[in-house]
Amino acid sequence: MEVNNRRAALTALMAIPAGLVAASASARPAQPVSGDLATRVDVLESRQRISDNLFAYARATDRLDEALLRSLFWPEATHRHGRFDGKSHDFIGFSTKIVGGLKYACHHVSNVSVEVKGDRAFSECYYFAQHRRAATETAGEQDIFFQGRYLDFHERRGGEWKIIRRRGLSDYTSPLVPAPTPFADWAAGHSERFPDDEYYRMQAEFRAR
C-alpha cells in the first residue's frame, strides 16, 4: 500500500511542471493599443488594474480575506463555476467555507489577457491551485491540484474596475496525493490567513511610513 501511495504521489507531482509551464507561457496582447495618447494610456492603465484584480482574487482566496474578495465584484455580478451557478457574492460564501476547511491553499494566476472597450472589458487567465486537507478515508493529510481558466466580463463605474460576470472552467483535477509531511510540521514562518499573515503587518508598516 505504501509503495502504491508513493507511486501515485510521484505520478501526480511529475505532472505539475508541465502544467505550470503551460500556464506561465507569455500570452500575446489580445488587441493592439491604438488611438490618441489619452486613449492608449487609458487602455494600458485599465489592463493593469484588471490584472491586479485577478491577482488579488488568488491572494484573497488563499488568505481567506473575504472583504477583499467581495470588493472585486459588483453587487449584481454572476458566477458560474463547477456546480455553482448564481451570484458572485454567494459564490464567495460558498468558496470561503471550502477554503476555510483546508489546512493550506495556494492559487496561481497567469496568462492574463485583457481586451478593453471603453468602460467594458473582457479577460482570460489561467489558474493553478493546490489544496491541502485532512485525508477523507485514511489517517494523515492529502493534496489535490487543479488547473483551469477564468473568463470574465468587467465594468468600470466611477473610475473603478470590477468583475460583472465570471465563467470558471475546470480543465484538470489531480488524483488525491498522500502528503508525506503534515501541515503542522511545515517550517515556521509559512503562510497564514487574514489577519495573521505577515503580508498584512508589513503592508500596514509600509503604508504608515
Protein backbone atom coordinates (compact mmCIF):
# COMPACT_ATOMS: atom_id res chain seq x y z
CA MET A 1 0.00 0.00 0.00
CA GLU A 2 2.81 2.41 0.93
CA VAL A 3 4.59 1.69 -2.37
CA ASN A 4 1.38 2.35 -4.32
CA ASN A 5 0.86 5.63 -2.45
CA ARG A 6 4.38 6.73 -3.26
CA ARG A 7 3.89 5.87 -6.93
CA ALA A 8 0.61 7.83 -7.02
CA ALA A 9 2.25 10.82 -5.39
CA LEU A 10 5.21 10.72 -7.76
CA THR A 11 2.94 10.43 -10.81
CA ALA A 12 0.86 13.45 -9.77
CA LEU A 13 3.87 15.56 -8.85
CA MET A 14 5.63 14.78 -12.12
CA ALA A 15 2.60 16.12 -13.97
CA ILE A 16 2.75 19.51 -12.24
CA PRO A 17 5.73 21.10 -14.06
CA ALA A 18 4.13 20.57 -17.45
CA GLY A 19 1.00 22.31 -16.27
CA LEU A 20 2.98 25.15 -14.73
CA VAL A 21 4.97 25.62 -17.92
CA ALA A 22 1.78 25.80 -19.96
CA ALA A 23 0.23 28.25 -17.50
CA SER A 24 3.27 30.55 -17.38
CA ALA A 25 3.86 30.99 -21.11
CA SER A 26 3.52 34.61 -22.24
CA ALA A 27 0.24 35.49 -23.93
CA ARG A 28 0.25 37.94 -26.82
CA PRO A 29 -1.84 41.10 -26.35
CA ALA A 30 -5.45 40.42 -27.21
CA GLN A 31 -5.75 43.73 -29.05
CA PRO A 32 -3.40 46.41 -30.38
CA VAL A 33 -3.24 49.61 -28.34
CA SER A 34 -4.27 52.31 -30.80
CA GLY A 35 -5.88 55.75 -30.82
CA ASP A 36 -4.68 59.04 -29.41
CA LEU A 37 -2.31 59.23 -26.45
CA ALA A 38 -5.07 59.59 -23.85
CA THR A 39 -6.90 56.53 -25.22
CA ARG A 40 -3.74 54.41 -25.32
CA VAL A 41 -2.82 55.35 -21.75
CA ASP A 42 -6.36 54.60 -20.57
CA VAL A 43 -6.31 51.15 -22.18
CA LEU A 44 -2.92 50.30 -20.67
CA GLU A 45 -3.93 51.53 -17.22
CA SER A 46 -7.22 49.64 -17.42
CA ARG A 47 -5.43 46.42 -18.35
CA GLN A 48 -3.12 46.82 -15.37
CA ARG A 49 -5.96 47.47 -12.92
CA ILE A 50 -7.93 44.49 -14.19
CA SER A 51 -4.83 42.27 -13.99
CA ASP A 52 -4.25 43.47 -10.43
CA ASN A 53 -7.83 42.43 -9.57
CA LEU A 54 -7.27 38.95 -11.00
CA PHE A 55 -4.09 38.51 -8.96
CA ALA A 56 -5.87 39.89 -5.87
CA TYR A 57 -8.57 37.24 -6.29
CA ALA A 58 -5.96 34.49 -5.91
CA ARG A 59 -4.31 36.17 -2.92
CA ALA A 60 -7.63 36.90 -1.17
CA THR A 61 -8.73 33.29 -1.66
CA ASP A 62 -5.55 31.90 -0.11
CA ARG A 63 -5.52 34.38 2.79
CA LEU A 64 -9.25 33.85 3.32
CA ASP A 65 -9.71 37.62 3.04
CA GLU A 66 -13.45 37.73 2.39
CA ALA A 67 -13.70 41.53 2.36
CA LEU A 68 -11.08 41.78 -0.39
CA LEU A 69 -12.79 39.03 -2.39
CA ARG A 70 -16.14 40.84 -2.29
CA SER A 71 -14.53 44.14 -3.30
CA LEU A 72 -13.52 42.65 -6.67
CA PHE A 73 -17.12 42.04 -7.88
CA TRP A 74 -20.05 44.35 -8.50
CA PRO A 75 -23.04 43.55 -6.23
CA GLU A 76 -25.08 42.03 -9.07
CA ALA A 77 -22.15 40.06 -10.59
CA THR A 78 -22.88 36.48 -11.66
CA HIS A 79 -20.71 33.39 -11.29
CA ARG A 80 -20.69 30.01 -13.00
CA HIS A 81 -18.02 27.56 -11.92
CA GLY A 82 -18.38 23.83 -11.41
CA ARG A 83 -21.67 23.04 -9.72
CA PHE A 84 -22.26 26.69 -8.79
CA ASP A 85 -24.39 28.97 -10.96
CA GLY A 86 -25.58 32.17 -9.28
CA LYS A 87 -24.43 35.47 -7.77
CA SER A 88 -20.70 36.04 -7.31
CA HIS A 89 -21.20 37.23 -3.72
CA ASP A 90 -22.96 33.94 -2.96
CA PHE A 91 -20.11 32.03 -4.60
CA ILE A 92 -17.67 33.79 -2.29
CA GLY A 93 -19.58 32.50 0.73
CA PHE A 94 -19.59 29.02 -0.83
CA SER A 95 -15.86 29.03 -1.67
CA THR A 96 -14.62 30.52 1.61
CA LYS A 97 -16.31 27.68 3.50
CA ILE A 98 -14.35 25.20 1.38
CA VAL A 99 -11.03 27.01 1.75
CA GLY A 100 -11.69 27.61 5.45
CA GLY A 101 -11.82 23.85 5.98
CA LEU A 102 -8.42 23.29 4.35
CA LYS A 103 -5.05 23.09 6.03
CA TYR A 104 -3.50 25.17 3.24
CA ALA A 105 -4.46 26.65 -0.13
CA CYS A 106 -2.31 28.18 -2.87
CA HIS A 107 -3.70 29.63 -6.12
CA HIS A 108 -1.61 30.94 -9.04
CA VAL A 109 -2.98 33.17 -11.82
CA SER A 110 -1.14 33.61 -15.14
CA ASN A 111 -1.57 34.03 -18.92
CA VAL A 112 -3.61 37.18 -18.30
CA SER A 113 -5.15 38.60 -21.49
CA VAL A 114 -7.38 41.70 -21.34
CA GLU A 115 -9.42 43.44 -24.05
CA VAL A 116 -10.74 46.92 -23.23
CA LYS A 117 -13.61 48.70 -24.95
CA GLY A 118 -14.45 51.95 -23.18
CA ASP A 119 -15.88 51.11 -19.75
CA ARG A 120 -16.19 47.41 -20.55
CA ALA A 121 -13.52 44.73 -20.71
CA PHE A 122 -13.13 41.00 -21.31
CA SER A 123 -10.32 38.91 -19.84
CA GLU A 124 -8.98 35.39 -19.77
CA CYS A 125 -6.49 34.00 -17.27
CA TYR A 126 -5.25 30.57 -16.27
CA TYR A 127 -5.23 29.27 -12.70
CA PHE A 128 -3.30 26.52 -10.94
CA ALA A 129 -4.17 25.58 -7.36
CA GLN A 130 -3.10 23.27 -4.55
CA HIS A 131 -5.36 22.28 -1.64
CA ARG A 132 -4.01 20.51 1.45
CA ARG A 133 -6.69 18.83 3.56
CA ALA A 134 -7.24 16.07 6.08
CA ALA A 135 -7.44 12.68 4.40
CA THR A 136 -11.02 11.55 3.91
CA GLU A 137 -10.63 7.78 4.18
CA THR A 138 -7.31 7.27 5.97
CA ALA A 139 -5.22 8.96 8.65
CA GLY A 140 -2.98 11.86 7.72
CA GLU A 141 -3.37 14.53 5.04
CA GLN A 142 -3.60 14.68 1.26
CA ASP A 143 -3.02 17.17 -1.54
CA ILE A 144 -5.10 17.79 -4.63
CA PHE A 145 -4.18 20.01 -7.60
CA PHE A 146 -6.37 21.91 -10.05
CA GLN A 147 -5.91 23.66 -13.39
CA GLY A 148 -8.37 25.76 -15.36
CA ARG A 149 -9.27 29.24 -16.59
CA TYR A 150 -11.33 32.25 -15.58
CA LEU A 151 -13.23 34.13 -18.29
CA ASP A 152 -14.52 37.47 -17.05
CA PHE A 153 -16.53 40.48 -18.15
CA HIS A 154 -15.53 43.67 -16.30
CA GLU A 155 -17.21 47.05 -15.97
CA ARG A 156 -15.79 50.41 -14.93
CA ARG A 157 -18.01 52.57 -12.77
CA GLY A 158 -16.87 55.82 -11.21
CA GLY A 159 -13.33 55.05 -12.39
CA GLU A 160 -13.24 51.64 -10.67
CA TRP A 161 -12.98 48.31 -12.48
CA LYS A 162 -14.76 45.24 -11.08
CA ILE A 163 -15.92 41.87 -12.40
CA ILE A 164 -19.56 41.73 -13.53
CA ARG A 165 -19.63 38.15 -14.85
CA ARG A 166 -17.31 35.17 -14.33
CA ARG A 167 -17.16 31.79 -16.06
CA GLY A 168 -14.77 29.39 -14.40
CA LEU A 169 -13.53 26.41 -16.43
CA SER A 170 -12.05 23.37 -14.69
CA ASP A 171 -9.64 21.63 -17.04
CA TYR A 172 -7.85 19.19 -14.71
CA THR A 173 -8.17 17.78 -11.21
CA SER A 174 -5.39 15.51 -9.94
CA PRO A 175 -5.82 12.26 -8.05
CA LEU A 176 -5.58 12.62 -4.27
CA VAL A 177 -1.93 12.57 -3.25
CA PRO A 178 -0.98 11.32 0.26
CA ALA A 179 1.08 14.03 1.97
CA PRO A 180 4.45 12.86 3.34
CA THR A 181 4.61 15.72 5.88
CA PRO A 182 1.65 17.11 7.85
CA PHE A 183 0.99 20.83 7.57
CA ALA A 184 1.66 21.29 11.30
CA ASP A 185 5.27 20.15 10.72
CA TRP A 186 5.99 22.69 7.98
CA ALA A 187 8.78 25.12 8.73
CA ALA A 188 8.00 28.12 10.94
CA GLY A 189 7.14 31.27 9.06
CA HIS A 190 4.85 29.70 6.46
CA SER A 191 1.78 31.45 5.05
CA GLU A 192 -1.19 32.14 7.30
CA ARG A 193 -4.64 33.68 6.85
CA PHE A 194 -6.19 37.10 7.34
CA PRO A 195 -5.41 38.98 9.52
CA ASP A 196 -2.47 36.97 10.91
CA ASP A 197 -0.40 36.59 7.74
CA GLU A 198 2.80 38.61 7.63
CA TYR A 199 1.54 40.35 4.46
CA TYR A 200 -0.94 42.46 6.42
CA ARG A 201 1.55 43.51 9.10
CA MET A 202 4.19 44.51 6.55
CA GLN A 203 1.62 46.26 4.34
CA ALA A 204 0.44 48.35 7.31
CA GLU A 205 4.06 49.15 8.21
CA PHE A 206 4.81 50.21 4.63
CA ARG A 207 1.74 52.45 4.36
CA ALA A 208 2.42 54.11 7.73
CA ARG A 209 5.79 55.47 6.62
